[in-house]
């Protein structure tokens, strides 16, 4: 999870919850997409 270390301590601006997905918008214009796929959590970020 090294690629996500840069978001530690960053201010969260917004959290959007949908069915099987959570989107976290961070102050430096990054988005984290947390999804449940086949019962497992997956995380994607924009930009990486």
Protein backbone atom coordinates (compact mmCIF):
# COMPACT_ATOMS: atom_id res chain seq x y z
CA UNK A 1 0.00 0.00 0.00
CA UNK A 2 3.01 2.25 -0.44
CA UNK A 3 1.32 4.16 -3.25
CA UNK A 4 -1.24 5.47 -0.75
CA UNK A 5 1.24 6.75 1.87
CA UNK A 6 1.07 10.28 0.42
CA UNK A 7 -2.58 10.63 1.50
CA UNK A 8 -1.84 9.97 5.17
CA UNK A 9 -2.66 13.09 7.14
CA UNK A 10 -4.34 14.84 4.20
CA UNK A 11 -7.62 16.64 4.80
CA UNK A 12 -10.72 14.84 3.51
CA UNK A 13 -13.08 17.22 1.74
CA UNK A 14 -15.92 14.89 0.88
CA UNK A 15 -17.04 11.29 1.19
CA UNK A 16 -19.59 9.93 -1.28
CA UNK A 17 -21.23 6.60 -0.52
CA UNK A 18 -22.92 4.46 -3.17
CA UNK A 19 -23.89 0.81 -3.22
CA UNK A 20 -20.68 -1.24 -2.94
CA UNK A 21 -18.50 1.86 -3.43
CA UNK A 22 -17.05 4.66 -1.32
CA UNK A 23 -15.37 7.69 -2.93
CA UNK A 24 -13.09 9.84 -0.77
CA UNK A 25 -12.06 13.24 -2.11
CA UNK A 26 -8.85 14.57 -0.56
CA UNK A 27 -7.71 18.19 -0.37
CA UNK A 28 -4.94 17.92 -3.01
CA UNK A 29 -7.52 16.93 -5.67
CA UNK A 30 -7.08 13.18 -5.33
CA UNK A 31 -9.87 10.68 -5.32
CA UNK A 32 -9.80 7.28 -3.63
CA UNK A 33 -12.34 4.77 -4.87
CA UNK A 34 -13.00 1.91 -2.48
CA UNK A 35 -15.16 -0.86 -3.93
CA UNK A 36 -16.41 -4.26 -2.86
CA UNK A 37 -15.86 -6.79 -5.66
CA UNK A 38 -16.67 -10.43 -4.98
CA UNK A 39 -16.69 -9.73 -1.24
CA UNK A 40 -13.21 -8.13 -1.23
CA UNK A 41 -12.21 -4.48 -0.90
CA UNK A 42 -10.35 -2.94 -3.84
CA UNK A 43 -8.86 0.55 -3.91
CA UNK A 44 -8.08 2.76 -6.89
CA UNK A 45 -6.84 6.34 -6.85
CA UNK A 46 -6.88 9.26 -9.26
CA UNK A 47 -4.29 10.54 -9.95
CA UNK A 48 -1.91 7.74 -9.00
